[in-house]
Amino acid sequence: MRICLARRQKIVIIANFINVLVTINPVEGVYVMTRTIGEVSLVDGA
């Protein structure tokens, strides 16, 4: 994840929960990483 964020994206989008794979993503960690480098993050919680 850190390698991808080093490329200076404008926005990082992550899904909180993937129903088909029964996966809960580490949203808080992604948010902290994106705020640390000054980028914007968007979480899909639907």
C-alpha atoms as a PDB file:
ATOM      1  CA  MET A   1       0.000   0.000   0.000  1.00  0.00           C
ATOM      2  CA  ARG A   2       2.778   2.439   0.848  1.00  0.00           C
ATOM      3  CA  ILE A   3       4.338   1.961  -2.601  1.00  0.00           C
ATOM      4  CA  CYS A   4       1.071   2.911  -4.308  1.00  0.00           C
ATOM      5  CA  LEU A   5       0.608   5.973  -2.107  1.00  0.00           C
ATOM      6  CA  ALA A   6       4.110   7.202  -2.917  1.00  0.00           C
ATOM      7  CA  ARG A   7       2.980   7.971  -6.482  1.00  0.00           C
ATOM      8  CA  ARG A   8       0.998  11.056  -5.372  1.00  0.00           C
ATOM      9  CA  GLN A   9      -2.577  10.207  -6.250  1.00  0.00           C
ATOM     10  CA  LYS A  10      -5.226  12.899  -5.986  1.00  0.00           C
ATOM     11  CA  ILE A  11      -7.686  10.653  -4.109  1.00  0.00           C
ATOM     12  CA  VAL A  12      -7.599   7.168  -2.590  1.00  0.00           C
ATOM     13  CA  ILE A  13     -10.857   5.191  -2.616  1.00  0.00           C
ATOM     14  CA  ILE A  14     -11.368   2.022  -0.562  1.00  0.00           C
ATOM     15  CA  ALA A  15     -14.373  -0.172   0.163  1.00  0.00           C
ATOM     16  CA  ASN A  16     -14.959  -0.809   3.865  1.00  0.00           C
ATOM     17  CA  PHE A  17     -16.471  -4.263   3.428  1.00  0.00           C
ATOM     18  CA  ILE A  18     -16.451  -6.591   0.402  1.00  0.00           C
ATOM     19  CA  ASN A  19     -19.497  -8.820   0.724  1.00  0.00           C
ATOM     20  CA  VAL A  20     -18.544 -11.447  -1.875  1.00  0.00           C
ATOM     21  CA  LEU A  21     -15.120 -12.080  -0.344  1.00  0.00           C
ATOM     22  CA  VAL A  22     -16.260 -11.488   3.264  1.00  0.00           C
ATOM     23  CA  THR A  23     -13.365  -9.073   3.714  1.00  0.00           C
ATOM     24  CA  ILE A  24     -13.163  -6.082   6.023  1.00  0.00           C
ATOM     25  CA  ASN A  25     -10.493  -3.670   4.791  1.00  0.00           C
ATOM     26  CA  PRO A  26      -8.207  -1.720   7.173  1.00  0.00           C
ATOM     27  CA  VAL A  27      -9.943   1.613   6.505  1.00  0.00           C
ATOM     28  CA  GLU A  28      -8.499   3.426   9.506  1.00  0.00           C
ATOM     29  CA  GLY A  29      -4.942   2.532   8.516  1.00  0.00           C
ATOM     30  CA  VAL A  30      -5.493   3.708   4.932  1.00  0.00           C
ATOM     31  CA  TYR A  31      -7.022   6.948   6.197  1.00  0.00           C
ATOM     32  CA  VAL A  32      -4.042   7.617   8.458  1.00  0.00           C
ATOM     33  CA  MET A  33      -1.572   6.914   5.624  1.00  0.00           C
ATOM     34  CA  THR A  34      -3.374   9.177   3.163  1.00  0.00           C
ATOM     35  CA  ARG A  35      -3.685  12.033   5.670  1.00  0.00           C
ATOM     36  CA  THR A  36      -0.001  11.687   6.540  1.00  0.00           C
ATOM     37  CA  ILE A  37       1.010  12.398   2.948  1.00  0.00           C
ATOM     38  CA  GLY A  38      -1.648  15.101   2.545  1.00  0.00           C
ATOM     39  CA  GLU A  39      -4.016  13.250   0.212  1.00  0.00           C
ATOM     40  CA  VAL A  40      -7.782  12.754   0.323  1.00  0.00           C
ATOM     41  CA  SER A  41      -9.437   9.413   1.057  1.00  0.00           C
ATOM     42  CA  LEU A  42     -12.965   8.221   0.310  1.00  0.00           C
ATOM     43  CA  VAL A  43     -14.551   5.201   2.004  1.00  0.00           C
ATOM     44  CA  ASP A  44     -17.426   3.293   0.409  1.00  0.00           C
ATOM     45  CA  GLY A  45     -19.413   2.016   3.358  1.00  0.00           C
ATOM     46  CA  ALA A  46     -22.573   0.962   1.489  1.00  0.00           C
END
